[in-house]
Amino acid sequence: MAKKKKDMRQSNTSSKDEVKVVNSPPGVKFYSLIDVVQTERILSEVENGNLVFLNIGRIAAFPERKTEFLKNLKATSKQLRATLKMVSEETVMVAPSSVPIEIRSLSPEKINKDKVNELKME
């Protein structure tokens, strides 16, 4: 028996049809904080729809700076309606509302409750 080949010349879209991107995936940015930085740079990435991961391990040596930084970050992320979440012992995720809920609702299993509670402080 002979196999039938699919005719690839006929297509559902014409070459003249305009192709539009309906939903573009977010960019992902990683920052390693040596010291407390201004949150404007980080939040501008969030405003642009980018998913941001912050390594805050290096500022952990200065608990008062870390606490102040996390409070400022939490307050400003609320204004942008962004999700702020600890995703590891030393990493904070800042996700804008445009990021799919599956990503924003990630909840790692092996994070100390103390680390998670740092973000819940008011």
PDB file of N, CA and C in Angstrom:
ATOM      1  N   MET A   1       0.834  -1.184   0.000  1.00  0.00           N
ATOM      2  CA  MET A   1       0.000   0.000   0.000  1.00  0.00           C
ATOM      3  C   MET A   1       0.873   1.240   0.000  1.00  0.00           C
ATOM      4  N   ALA A   2       0.433   2.195  -0.700  1.00  0.00           N
ATOM      5  CA  ALA A   2       1.163   3.468  -0.761  1.00  0.00           C
ATOM      6  C   ALA A   2       0.661   4.385   0.343  1.00  0.00           C
ATOM      7  N   LYS A   3       1.603   5.112   0.945  1.00  0.00           N
ATOM      8  CA  LYS A   3       1.232   6.054   2.000  1.00  0.00           C
ATOM      9  C   LYS A   3       0.808   7.367   1.374  1.00  0.00           C
ATOM     10  N   LYS A   4      -0.209   7.956   1.952  1.00  0.00           N
ATOM     11  CA  LYS A   4      -0.668   9.250   1.462  1.00  0.00           C
ATOM     12  C   LYS A   4       0.110  10.346   2.171  1.00  0.00           C
ATOM     13  N   LYS A   5       0.585  11.307   1.412  1.00  0.00           N
ATOM     14  CA  LYS A   5       1.292  12.443   1.995  1.00  0.00           C
ATOM     15  C   LYS A   5       0.324  13.595   2.168  1.00  0.00           C
ATOM     16  N   LYS A   6       0.498  14.286   3.261  1.00  0.00           N
ATOM     17  CA  LYS A   6      -0.344  15.443   3.534  1.00  0.00           C
ATOM     18  C   LYS A   6       0.109  16.598   2.644  1.00  0.00           C
ATOM     19  N   ASP A   7      -0.843  17.255   2.035  1.00  0.00           N
ATOM     20  CA  ASP A   7      -0.529  18.387   1.171  1.00  0.00           C
ATOM     21  C   ASP A   7      -0.231  19.596   2.049  1.00  0.00           C
ATOM     22  N   MET A   8       1.027  19.995   2.126  1.00  0.00           N
ATOM     23  CA  MET A   8       1.436  21.092   2.993  1.00  0.00           C
ATOM     24  C   MET A   8       1.249  22.454   2.327  1.00  0.00           C
ATOM     25  N   ARG A   9       0.883  22.464   1.059  1.00  0.00           N
ATOM     26  CA  ARG A   9       0.714  23.746   0.372  1.00  0.00           C
ATOM     27  C   ARG A   9      -0.508  24.489   0.872  1.00  0.00           C
ATOM     28  N   GLN A  10      -1.519  23.757   1.277  1.00  0.00           N
ATOM     29  CA  GLN A  10      -2.713  24.407   1.778  1.00  0.00           C
ATOM     30  C   GLN A  10      -2.575  24.595   3.279  1.00  0.00           C
ATOM     31  N   SER A  11      -2.853  25.794   3.699  1.00  0.00           N
ATOM     32  CA  SER A  11      -2.694  26.118   5.108  1.00  0.00           C
ATOM     33  C   SER A  11      -3.896  26.919   5.561  1.00  0.00           C
ATOM     34  N   ASN A  12      -4.145  26.902   6.852  1.00  0.00           N
ATOM     35  CA  ASN A  12      -5.253  27.678   7.397  1.00  0.00           C
ATOM     36  C   ASN A  12      -4.963  29.169   7.424  1.00  0.00           C
ATOM     37  N   THR A  13      -3.704  29.536   7.426  1.00  0.00           N
ATOM     38  CA  THR A  13      -3.343  30.954   7.470  1.00  0.00           C
ATOM     39  C   THR A  13      -2.619  31.337   6.202  1.00  0.00           C
ATOM     40  N   SER A  14      -2.957  32.453   5.712  1.00  0.00           N
ATOM     41  CA  SER A  14      -2.302  32.979   4.525  1.00  0.00           C
ATOM     42  C   SER A  14      -1.029  33.696   4.948  1.00  0.00           C
ATOM     43  N   SER A  15      -0.090  33.800   4.034  1.00  0.00           N
ATOM     44  CA  SER A  15       1.153  34.499   4.372  1.00  0.00           C
ATOM     45  C   SER A  15       0.901  35.985   4.581  1.00  0.00           C
ATOM     46  N   LYS A  16      -0.217  36.477   4.100  1.00  0.00           N
ATOM     47  CA  LYS A  16      -0.543  37.893   4.264  1.00  0.00           C
ATOM     48  C   LYS A  16      -1.260  38.170   5.582  1.00  0.00           C
ATOM     49  N   ASP A  17      -1.736  37.112   6.236  1.00  0.00           N
ATOM     50  CA  ASP A  17      -2.419  37.297   7.515  1.00  0.00           C
ATOM     51  C   ASP A  17      -1.448  37.821   8.558  1.00  0.00           C
ATOM     52  N   GLU A  18      -1.957  38.694   9.393  1.00  0.00           N
ATOM     53  CA  GLU A  18      -1.132  39.256  10.452  1.00  0.00           C
ATOM     54  C   GLU A  18      -1.176  38.335  11.667  1.00  0.00           C
ATOM     55  N   VAL A  19      -0.021  38.002  12.183  1.00  0.00           N
ATOM     56  CA  VAL A  19       0.066  37.151  13.359  1.00  0.00           C
ATOM     57  C   VAL A  19       0.275  38.045  14.565  1.00  0.00           C
ATOM     58  N   LYS A  20      -0.576  37.884  15.570  1.00  0.00           N
ATOM     59  CA  LYS A  20      -0.482  38.686  16.783  1.00  0.00           C
ATOM     60  C   LYS A  20      -0.180  37.784  17.966  1.00  0.00           C
ATOM     61  N   VAL A  21       0.706  38.256  18.820  1.00  0.00           N
ATOM     62  CA  VAL A  21       1.002  37.524  20.041  1.00  0.00           C
ATOM     63  C   VAL A  21      -0.037  37.923  21.069  1.00  0.00           C
ATOM     64  N   VAL A  22      -0.767  36.957  21.554  1.00  0.00           N
ATOM     65  CA  VAL A  22      -1.837  37.236  22.500  1.00  0.00           C
ATOM     66  C   VAL A  22      -1.297  37.377  23.913  1.00  0.00           C
ATOM     67  N   ASN A  23      -0.436  36.469  24.295  1.00  0.00           N
ATOM     68  CA  ASN A  23       0.068  36.481  25.667  1.00  0.00           C
ATOM     69  C   ASN A  23       1.549  36.149  25.636  1.00  0.00           C
ATOM     70  N   SER A  24       2.372  37.107  25.984  1.00  0.00           N
ATOM     71  CA  SER A  24       3.806  36.853  25.976  1.00  0.00           C
ATOM     72  C   SER A  24       4.256  36.428  27.372  1.00  0.00           C
ATOM     73  N   PRO A  25       5.172  35.496  27.440  1.00  0.00           N
ATOM     74  CA  PRO A  25       5.640  35.052  28.753  1.00  0.00           C
ATOM     75  C   PRO A  25       6.439  36.151  29.444  1.00  0.00           C
ATOM     76  N   PRO A  26       6.448  36.154  30.767  1.00  0.00           N
ATOM     77  CA  PRO A  26       7.189  37.193  31.475  1.00  0.00           C
ATOM     78  C   PRO A  26       8.684  36.964  31.383  1.00  0.00           C
ATOM     79  N   GLY A  27       9.430  38.062  31.454  1.00  0.00           N
ATOM     80  CA  GLY A  27      10.872  37.942  31.574  1.00  0.00           C
ATOM     81  C   GLY A  27      11.198  37.554  33.004  1.00  0.00           C
ATOM     82  N   VAL A  28      12.326  36.927  33.194  1.00  0.00           N
ATOM     83  CA  VAL A  28      12.742  36.529  34.537  1.00  0.00           C
ATOM     84  C   VAL A  28      14.060  37.214  34.842  1.00  0.00           C
ATOM     85  N   LYS A  29      14.117  37.917  35.966  1.00  0.00           N
ATOM     86  CA  LYS A  29      15.318  38.642  36.376  1.00  0.00           C
ATOM     87  C   LYS A  29      15.800  38.083  37.705  1.00  0.00           C
ATOM     88  N   PHE A  30      17.111  37.954  37.838  1.00  0.00           N
ATOM     89  CA  PHE A  30      17.713  37.486  39.082  1.00  0.00           C
ATOM     90  C   PHE A  30      18.635  38.570  39.614  1.00  0.00           C
ATOM     91  N   TYR A  31      18.496  38.893  40.884  1.00  0.00           N
ATOM     92  CA  TYR A  31      19.360  39.874  41.531  1.00  0.00           C
ATOM     93  C   TYR A  31      19.958  39.259  42.780  1.00  0.00           C
ATOM     94  N   SER A  32      21.255  39.489  42.969  1.00  0.00           N
ATOM     95  CA  SER A  32      21.924  39.078  44.197  1.00  0.00           C
ATOM     96  C   SER A  32      22.280  40.347  44.944  1.00  0.00           C
ATOM     97  N   LEU A  33      21.711  40.504  46.105  1.00  0.00           N
ATOM     98  CA  LEU A  33      21.883  41.744  46.849  1.00  0.00           C
ATOM     99  C   LEU A  33      23.098  41.662  47.754  1.00  0.00           C
ATOM    100  N   ILE A  34      24.081  42.513  47.480  1.00  0.00           N
ATOM    101  CA  ILE A  34      25.253  42.598  48.339  1.00  0.00           C
ATOM    102  C   ILE A  34      24.902  43.434  49.553  1.00  0.00           C
ATOM    103  N   ASP A  35      24.158  44.461  49.345  1.00  0.00           N
ATOM    104  CA  ASP A  35      23.691  45.313  50.421  1.00  0.00           C
ATOM    105  C   ASP A  35      22.276  45.737  50.043  1.00  0.00           C
ATOM    106  N   VAL A  36      21.626  46.411  50.921  1.00  0.00           N
ATOM    107  CA  VAL A  36      20.266  46.851  50.640  1.00  0.00           C
ATOM    108  C   VAL A  36      20.304  47.844  49.486  1.00  0.00           C
ATOM    109  N   VAL A  37      19.536  47.579  48.468  1.00  0.00           N
ATOM    110  CA  VAL A  37      19.485  48.459  47.310  1.00  0.00           C
ATOM    111  C   VAL A  37      18.141  49.156  47.285  1.00  0.00           C
ATOM    112  N   GLN A  38      18.072  50.187  46.484  1.00  0.00           N
ATOM    113  CA  GLN A  38      16.791  50.878  46.352  1.00  0.00           C
ATOM    114  C   GLN A  38      15.816  49.968  45.620  1.00  0.00           C
ATOM    115  N   THR A  39      14.604  49.973  46.077  1.00  0.00           N
ATOM    116  CA  THR A  39      13.612  49.066  45.507  1.00  0.00           C
ATOM    117  C   THR A  39      13.056  49.556  44.175  1.00  0.00           C
ATOM    118  N   GLU A  40      13.369  50.788  43.777  1.00  0.00           N
ATOM    119  CA  GLU A  40      12.823  51.313  42.521  1.00  0.00           C
ATOM    120  C   GLU A  40      13.250  50.471  41.326  1.00  0.00           C
ATOM    121  N   ARG A  41      14.505  50.057  41.301  1.00  0.00           N
ATOM    122  CA  ARG A  41      15.009  49.268  40.176  1.00  0.00           C
ATOM    123  C   ARG A  41      14.288  47.927  40.096  1.00  0.00           C
ATOM    124  N   ILE A  42      14.120  47.299  41.238  1.00  0.00           N
ATOM    125  CA  ILE A  42      13.449  46.000  41.272  1.00  0.00           C
ATOM    126  C   ILE A  42      11.986  46.152  40.874  1.00  0.00           C
ATOM    127  N   LEU A  43      11.334  47.157  41.420  1.00  0.00           N
ATOM    128  CA  LEU A  43       9.909  47.334  41.147  1.00  0.00           C
ATOM    129  C   LEU A  43       9.642  47.817  39.729  1.00  0.00           C
ATOM    130  N   SER A  44      10.611  48.487  39.108  1.00  0.00           N
ATOM    131  CA  SER A  44      10.422  48.854  37.701  1.00  0.00           C
ATOM    132  C   SER A  44      10.382  47.599  36.837  1.00  0.00           C
ATOM    133  N   GLU A  45      11.154  46.586  37.221  1.00  0.00           N
ATOM    134  CA  GLU A  45      11.095  45.302  36.509  1.00  0.00           C
ATOM    135  C   GLU A  45       9.724  44.657  36.693  1.00  0.00           C
ATOM    136  N   VAL A  46       9.188  44.744  37.906  1.00  0.00           N
ATOM    137  CA  VAL A  46       7.868  44.176  38.189  1.00  0.00           C
ATOM    138  C   VAL A  46       6.793  44.939  37.421  1.00  0.00           C
ATOM    139  N   GLU A  47       6.916  46.267  37.364  1.00  0.00           N
ATOM    140  CA  GLU A  47       5.953  47.073  36.603  1.00  0.00           C
ATOM    141  C   GLU A  47       5.958  46.693  35.134  1.00  0.00           C
ATOM    142  N   ASN A  48       7.125  46.305  34.622  1.00  0.00           N
ATOM    143  CA  ASN A  48       7.237  45.894  33.225  1.00  0.00           C
ATOM    144  C   ASN A  48       6.749  44.466  32.993  1.00  0.00           C
ATOM    145  N   GLY A  49       6.278  43.813  34.058  1.00  0.00           N
ATOM    146  CA  GLY A  49       5.724  42.471  33.921  1.00  0.00           C
ATOM    147  C   GLY A  49       6.732  41.354  34.080  1.00  0.00           C
ATOM    148  N   ASN A  50       7.924  41.666  34.583  1.00  0.00           N
ATOM    149  CA  ASN A  50       8.959  40.649  34.747  1.00  0.00           C
ATOM    150  C   ASN A  50       8.877  39.984  36.112  1.00  0.00           C
ATOM    151  N   LEU A  51       9.160  38.720  36.128  1.00  0.00           N
ATOM    152  CA  LEU A  51       9.233  37.941  37.359  1.00  0.00           C
ATOM    153  C   LEU A  51      10.631  38.137  37.932  1.00  0.00           C
ATOM    154  N   VAL A  52      10.727  38.537  39.208  1.00  0.00           N
ATOM    155  CA  VAL A  52      12.016  38.878  39.807  1.00  0.00           C
ATOM    156  C   VAL A  52      12.306  37.945  40.980  1.00  0.00           C
ATOM    157  N   PHE A  53      13.521  37.417  40.992  1.00  0.00           N
ATOM    158  CA  PHE A  53      14.005  36.622  42.111  1.00  0.00           C
ATOM    159  C   PHE A  53      15.154  37.373  42.763  1.00  0.00           C
ATOM    160  N   LEU A  54      15.087  37.538  44.082  1.00  0.00           N
ATOM    161  CA  LEU A  54      16.108  38.268  44.831  1.00  0.00           C
ATOM    162  C   LEU A  54      16.821  37.326  45.787  1.00  0.00           C
ATOM    163  N   ASN A  55      18.141  37.260  45.671  1.00  0.00           N
ATOM    164  CA  ASN A  55      18.930  36.495  46.627  1.00  0.00           C
ATOM    165  C   ASN A  55      19.294  37.442  47.760  1.00  0.00           C
ATOM    166  N   ILE A  56      18.695  37.233  48.914  1.00  0.00           N
ATOM    167  CA  ILE A  56      18.913  38.138  50.047  1.00  0.00           C
ATOM    168  C   ILE A  56      19.850  37.529  51.079  1.00  0.00           C
ATOM    169  N   GLY A  57      20.561  36.485  50.711  1.00  0.00           N
ATOM    170  CA  GLY A  57      21.456  35.805  51.643  1.00  0.00           C
ATOM    171  C   GLY A  57      22.577  36.683  52.153  1.00  0.00           C
ATOM    172  N   ARG A  58      23.087  37.570  51.316  1.00  0.00           N
ATOM    173  CA  ARG A  58      24.220  38.401  51.720  1.00  0.00           C
ATOM    174  C   ARG A  58      23.833  39.502  52.690  1.00  0.00           C
ATOM    175  N   ILE A  59      22.591  39.942  52.647  1.00  0.00           N
ATOM    176  CA  ILE A  59      22.193  40.974  53.609  1.00  0.00           C
ATOM    177  C   ILE A  59      21.655  40.357  54.890  1.00  0.00           C
ATOM    178  N   ALA A  60      21.608  39.034  54.945  1.00  0.00           N
ATOM    179  CA  ALA A  60      21.115  38.358  56.147  1.00  0.00           C
ATOM    180  C   ALA A  60      22.035  38.577  57.343  1.00  0.00           C
ATOM    181  N   ALA A  61      23.286  38.954  57.081  1.00  0.00           N
ATOM    182  CA  ALA A  61      24.223  39.219  58.174  1.00  0.00           C
ATOM    183  C   ALA A  61      23.834  40.477  58.947  1.00  0.00           C
ATOM    184  N   PHE A  62      23.000  41.305  58.338  1.00  0.00           N
ATOM    185  CA  PHE A  62      22.540  42.539  58.970  1.00  0.00           C
ATOM    186  C   PHE A  62      21.026  42.460  59.133  1.00  0.00           C
ATOM    187  N   PRO A  63      20.554  41.823  60.198  1.00  0.00           N
ATOM    188  CA  PRO A  63      19.110  41.577  60.352  1.00  0.00           C
ATOM    189  C   PRO A  63      18.255  42.835  60.294  1.00  0.00           C
ATOM    190  N   GLU A  64      18.737  43.943  60.864  1.00  0.00           N
ATOM    191  CA  GLU A  64      17.929  45.162  60.843  1.00  0.00           C
ATOM    192  C   GLU A  64      17.788  45.711  59.426  1.00  0.00           C
ATOM    193  N   ARG A  65      18.842  45.619  58.625  1.00  0.00           N
ATOM    194  CA  ARG A  65      18.758  46.065  57.225  1.00  0.00           C
ATOM    195  C   ARG A  65      17.836  45.155  56.423  1.00  0.00           C
ATOM    196  N   LYS A  66      17.962  43.869  56.671  1.00  0.00           N
ATOM    197  CA  LYS A  66      17.134  42.898  55.955  1.00  0.00           C
ATOM    198  C   LYS A  66      15.661  43.114  56.275  1.00  0.00           C
ATOM    199  N   THR A  67      15.360  43.312  57.555  1.00  0.00           N
ATOM    200  CA  THR A  67      13.976  43.536  57.971  1.00  0.00           C
ATOM    201  C   THR A  67      13.417  44.798  57.337  1.00  0.00           C
ATOM    202  N   GLU A  68      14.202  45.868  57.364  1.00  0.00           N
ATOM    203  CA  GLU A  68      13.765  47.137  56.768  1.00  0.00           C
ATOM    204  C   GLU A  68      13.550  46.992  55.262  1.00  0.00           C
ATOM    205  N   PHE A  69      14.479  46.299  54.597  1.00  0.00           N
ATOM    206  CA  PHE A  69      14.363  46.090  53.155  1.00  0.00           C
ATOM    207  C   PHE A  69      13.105  45.297  52.821  1.00  0.00           C
ATOM    208  N   LEU A  70      12.843  44.221  53.565  1.00  0.00           N
ATOM    209  CA  LEU A  70      11.662  43.402  53.295  1.00  0.00           C
ATOM    210  C   LEU A  70      10.367  44.155  53.565  1.00  0.00           C
ATOM    211  N   LYS A  71      10.359  45.002  54.593  1.00  0.00           N
ATOM    212  CA  LYS A  71       9.165  45.813  54.867  1.00  0.00           C
ATOM    213  C   LYS A  71       8.894  46.777  53.722  1.00  0.00           C
ATOM    214  N   ASN A  72       9.951  47.451  53.240  1.00  0.00           N
ATOM    215  CA  ASN A  72       9.788  48.383  52.119  1.00  0.00           C
ATOM    216  C   ASN A  72       9.340  47.656  50.858  1.00  0.00           C
ATOM    217  N   LEU A  73       9.942  46.510  50.610  1.00  0.00           N
ATOM    218  CA  LEU A  73       9.595  45.725  49.428  1.00  0.00           C
ATOM    219  C   LEU A  73       8.150  45.246  49.493  1.00  0.00           C
ATOM    220  N   LYS A  74       7.721  44.830  50.670  1.00  0.00           N
ATOM    221  CA  LYS A  74       6.343  44.359  50.837  1.00  0.00           C
ATOM    222  C   LYS A  74       5.349  45.494  50.618  1.00  0.00           C
ATOM    223  N   ALA A  75       5.648  46.664  51.181  1.00  0.00           N
ATOM    224  CA  ALA A  75       4.740  47.805  51.041  1.00  0.00           C
ATOM    225  C   ALA A  75       4.608  48.235  49.586  1.00  0.00           C
ATOM    226  N   THR A  76       5.727  48.315  48.890  1.00  0.00           N
ATOM    227  CA  THR A  76       5.664  48.764  47.500  1.00  0.00           C
ATOM    228  C   THR A  76       5.098  47.695  46.579  1.00  0.00           C
ATOM    229  N   SER A  77       5.314  46.421  46.894  1.00  0.00           N
ATOM    230  CA  SER A  77       4.735  45.377  46.046  1.00  0.00           C
ATOM    231  C   SER A  77       3.219  45.319  46.203  1.00  0.00           C
ATOM    232  N   LYS A  78       2.714  45.691  47.384  1.00  0.00           N
ATOM    233  CA  LYS A  78       1.258  45.758  47.566  1.00  0.00           C
ATOM    234  C   LYS A  78       0.654  46.821  46.660  1.00  0.00           C
ATOM    235  N   GLN A  79       1.355  47.949  46.512  1.00  0.00           N
ATOM    236  CA  GLN A  79       0.861  49.013  45.643  1.00  0.00           C
ATOM    237  C   GLN A  79       0.765  48.538  44.202  1.00  0.00           C
ATOM    238  N   LEU A  80       1.696  47.675  43.795  1.00  0.00           N
ATOM    239  CA  LEU A  80       1.702  47.158  42.427  1.00  0.00           C
ATOM    240  C   LEU A  80       0.856  45.898  42.269  1.00  0.00           C
ATOM    241  N   ARG A  81       0.251  45.450  43.369  1.00  0.00           N
ATOM    242  CA  ARG A  81      -0.518  44.204  43.383  1.00  0.00           C
ATOM    243  C   ARG A  81       0.329  43.024  42.918  1.00  0.00           C
ATOM    244  N   ALA A  82       1.546  42.985  43.414  1.00  0.00           N
ATOM    245  CA  ALA A  82       2.474  41.905  43.086  1.00  0.00           C
ATOM    246  C   ALA A  82       2.536  40.918  44.245  1.00  0.00           C
ATOM    247  N   THR A  83       2.849  39.687  43.920  1.00  0.00           N
ATOM    248  CA  THR A  83       2.992  38.645  44.924  1.00  0.00           C
ATOM    249  C   THR A  83       4.432  38.629  45.406  1.00  0.00           C
ATOM    250  N   LEU A  84       4.611  38.651  46.713  1.00  0.00           N
ATOM    251  CA  LEU A  84       5.938  38.599  47.324  1.00  0.00           C
ATOM    252  C   LEU A  84       6.002  37.317  48.137  1.00  0.00           C
ATOM    253  N   LYS A  85       6.964  36.439  47.811  1.00  0.00           N
ATOM    254  CA  LYS A  85       6.970  35.127  48.455  1.00  0.00           C
ATOM    255  C   LYS A  85       8.399  34.612  48.612  1.00  0.00           C
ATOM    256  N   MET A  86       8.669  33.980  49.755  1.00  0.00           N
ATOM    257  CA  MET A  86       9.945  33.291  49.959  1.00  0.00           C
ATOM    258  C   MET A  86       9.873  31.969  49.199  1.00  0.00           C
ATOM    259  N   VAL A  87      10.831  31.740  48.291  1.00  0.00           N
ATOM    260  CA  VAL A  87      10.826  30.493  47.532  1.00  0.00           C
ATOM    261  C   VAL A  87      11.969  29.569  47.935  1.00  0.00           C
ATOM    262  N   SER A  88      12.899  30.074  48.722  1.00  0.00           N
ATOM    263  CA  SER A  88      13.943  29.244  49.320  1.00  0.00           C
ATOM    264  C   SER A  88      14.441  29.960  50.559  1.00  0.00           C
ATOM    265  N   GLU A  89      15.445  29.390  51.210  1.00  0.00           N
ATOM    266  CA  GLU A  89      15.957  29.986  52.444  1.00  0.00           C
ATOM    267  C   GLU A  89      16.481  31.404  52.228  1.00  0.00           C
ATOM    268  N   GLU A  90      17.023  31.683  51.036  1.00  0.00           N
ATOM    269  CA  GLU A  90      17.643  32.982  50.786  1.00  0.00           C
ATOM    270  C   GLU A  90      17.079  33.701  49.570  1.00  0.00           C
ATOM    271  N   THR A  91      15.973  33.240  49.023  1.00  0.00           N
ATOM    272  CA  THR A  91      15.454  33.823  47.791  1.00  0.00           C
ATOM    273  C   THR A  91      14.014  34.278  47.958  1.00  0.00           C
ATOM    274  N   VAL A  92      13.769  35.506  47.509  1.00  0.00           N
ATOM    275  CA  VAL A  92      12.427  36.085  47.519  1.00  0.00           C
ATOM    276  C   VAL A  92      11.969  36.225  46.072  1.00  0.00           C
ATOM    277  N   MET A  93      10.725  35.842  45.801  1.00  0.00           N
ATOM    278  CA  MET A  93      10.150  36.007  44.471  1.00  0.00           C
ATOM    279  C   MET A  93       9.180  37.182  44.512  1.00  0.00           C
ATOM    280  N   VAL A  94       9.299  38.073  43.519  1.00  0.00           N
ATOM    281  CA  VAL A  94       8.344  39.160  43.348  1.00  0.00           C
ATOM    282  C   VAL A  94       7.697  38.934  41.989  1.00  0.00           C
ATOM    283  N   ALA A  95       6.402  38.617  42.002  1.00  0.00           N
ATOM    284  CA  ALA A  95       5.699  38.268  40.769  1.00  0.00           C
ATOM    285  C   ALA A  95       4.556  39.238  40.522  1.00  0.00           C
ATOM    286  N   PRO A  96       4.551  39.901  39.356  1.00  0.00           N
ATOM    287  CA  PRO A  96       3.428  40.782  39.036  1.00  0.00           C
ATOM    288  C   PRO A  96       2.162  39.975  38.789  1.00  0.00           C
ATOM    289  N   SER A  97       1.037  40.649  38.787  1.00  0.00           N
ATOM    290  CA  SER A  97      -0.241  39.952  38.605  1.00  0.00           C
ATOM    291  C   SER A  97      -0.379  39.350  37.214  1.00  0.00           C
ATOM    292  N   SER A  98       0.458  39.779  36.259  1.00  0.00           N
ATOM    293  CA  SER A  98       0.390  39.230  34.905  1.00  0.00           C
ATOM    294  C   SER A  98       1.018  37.839  34.804  1.00  0.00           C
ATOM    295  N   VAL A  99       1.771  37.440  35.819  1.00  0.00           N
ATOM    296  CA  VAL A  99       2.391  36.112  35.830  1.00  0.00           C
ATOM    297  C   VAL A  99       1.309  35.083  36.160  1.00  0.00           C
ATOM    298  N   PRO A 100       1.296  33.948  35.473  1.00  0.00           N
ATOM    299  CA  PRO A 100       0.259  32.940  35.731  1.00  0.00           C
ATOM    300  C   PRO A 100       0.191  32.526  37.199  1.00  0.00           C
ATOM    301  N   ILE A 101      -1.004  32.221  37.641  1.00  0.00           N
ATOM    302  CA  ILE A 101      -1.258  31.874  39.040  1.00  0.00           C
ATOM    303  C   ILE A 101      -0.471  30.637  39.461  1.00  0.00           C
ATOM    304  N   GLU A 102      -0.192  29.737  38.535  1.00  0.00           N
ATOM    305  CA  GLU A 102       0.569  28.534  38.868  1.00  0.00           C
ATOM    306  C   GLU A 102       1.968  28.889  39.366  1.00  0.00           C
ATOM    307  N   ILE A 103       2.539  29.931  38.813  1.00  0.00           N
ATOM    308  CA  ILE A 103       3.871  30.370  39.234  1.00  0.00           C
ATOM    309  C   ILE A 103       3.779  31.169  40.520  1.00  0.00           C
ATOM    310  N   ARG A 104       2.808  32.065  40.602  1.00  0.00           N
ATOM    311  CA  ARG A 104       2.681  32.912  41.795  1.00  0.00           C
ATOM    312  C   ARG A 104       2.321  32.123  43.039  1.00  0.00           C
ATOM    313  N   SER A 105       1.688  30.969  42.878  1.00  0.00           N
ATOM    314  CA  SER A 105       1.249  30.200  44.044  1.00  0.00           C
ATOM    315  C   SER A 105       2.219  29.092  44.435  1.00  0.00           C
ATOM    316  N   LEU A 106       3.431  29.121  43.907  1.00  0.00           N
ATOM    317  CA  LEU A 106       4.426  28.123  44.293  1.00  0.00           C
ATOM    318  C   LEU A 106       4.663  28.174  45.794  1.00  0.00           C
ATOM    319  N   SER A 107       4.736  27.031  46.413  1.00  0.00           N
ATOM    320  CA  SER A 107       5.019  26.995  47.849  1.00  0.00           C
ATOM    321  C   SER A 107       5.994  25.864  48.136  1.00  0.00           C
ATOM    322  N   PRO A 108       7.265  26.184  48.234  1.00  0.00           N
ATOM    323  CA  PRO A 108       8.274  25.159  48.522  1.00  0.00           C
ATOM    324  C   PRO A 108       8.032  24.512  49.880  1.00  0.00           C
ATOM    325  N   GLU A 109       8.454  23.287  50.018  1.00  0.00           N
ATOM    326  CA  GLU A 109       8.159  22.526  51.227  1.00  0.00           C
ATOM    327  C   GLU A 109       9.163  22.727  52.350  1.00  0.00           C
ATOM    328  N   LYS A 110      10.416  22.955  52.046  1.00  0.00           N
ATOM    329  CA  LYS A 110      11.444  22.906  53.075  1.00  0.00           C
ATOM    330  C   LYS A 110      11.966  24.281  53.470  1.00  0.00           C
ATOM    331  N   ILE A 111      11.105  25.234  53.628  1.00  0.00           N
ATOM    332  CA  ILE A 111      11.504  26.554  54.099  1.00  0.00           C
ATOM    333  C   ILE A 111      11.109  26.662  55.559  1.00  0.00           C
ATOM    334  N   ASN A 112      12.037  27.154  56.356  1.00  0.00           N
ATOM    335  CA  ASN A 112      11.727  27.345  57.776  1.00  0.00           C
ATOM    336  C   ASN A 112      10.568  28.309  57.926  1.00  0.00           C
ATOM    337  N   LYS A 113       9.714  28.053  58.876  1.00  0.00           N
ATOM    338  CA  LYS A 113       8.571  28.937  59.130  1.00  0.00           C
ATOM    339  C   LYS A 113       9.037  30.339  59.499  1.00  0.00           C
ATOM    340  N   ASP A 114      10.218  30.459  60.133  1.00  0.00           N
ATOM    341  CA  ASP A 114      10.747  31.775  60.495  1.00  0.00           C
ATOM    342  C   ASP A 114      10.999  32.617  59.254  1.00  0.00           C
ATOM    343  N   LYS A 115      11.519  31.986  58.195  1.00  0.00           N
ATOM    344  CA  LYS A 115      11.814  32.714  56.960  1.00  0.00           C
ATOM    345  C   LYS A 115      10.528  33.225  56.322  1.00  0.00           C
ATOM    346  N   VAL A 116       9.498  32.411  56.321  1.00  0.00           N
ATOM    347  CA  VAL A 116       8.222  32.809  55.741  1.00  0.00           C
ATOM    348  C   VAL A 116       7.591  33.914  56.576  1.00  0.00           C
ATOM    349  N   ASN A 117       7.713  33.818  57.881  1.00  0.00           N
ATOM    350  CA  ASN A 117       7.132  34.822  58.767  1.00  0.00           C
ATOM    351  C   ASN A 117       7.790  36.185  58.623  1.00  0.00           C
ATOM    352  N   GLU A 118       9.034  36.243  58.135  1.00  0.00           N
ATOM    353  CA  GLU A 118       9.692  37.531  57.913  1.00  0.00           C
ATOM    354  C   GLU A 118       8.890  38.384  56.939  1.00  0.00           C
ATOM    355  N   LEU A 119       8.289  37.748  55.945  1.00  0.00           N
ATOM    356  CA  LEU A 119       7.500  38.488  54.964  1.00  0.00           C
ATOM    357  C   LEU A 119       6.123  38.848  55.488  1.00  0.00           C
ATOM    358  N   LYS A 120       5.668  38.169  56.517  1.00  0.00           N
ATOM    359  CA  LYS A 120       4.339  38.446  57.050  1.00  0.00           C
ATOM    360  C   LYS A 120       4.354  39.556  58.089  1.00  0.00           C
ATOM    361  N   MET A 121       5.557  40.019  58.455  1.00  0.00           N
ATOM    362  CA  MET A 121       5.644  41.093  59.446  1.00  0.00           C
ATOM    363  C   MET A 121       5.025  42.359  58.892  1.00  0.00           C
ATOM    364  N   GLU A 122       4.432  43.150  59.744  1.00  0.00           N
ATOM    365  CA  GLU A 122       3.832  44.391  59.282  1.00  0.00           C
ATOM    366  C   GLU A 122       4.405  45.550  60.022  1.00  0.00           C
TER     367      GLU A 122
END
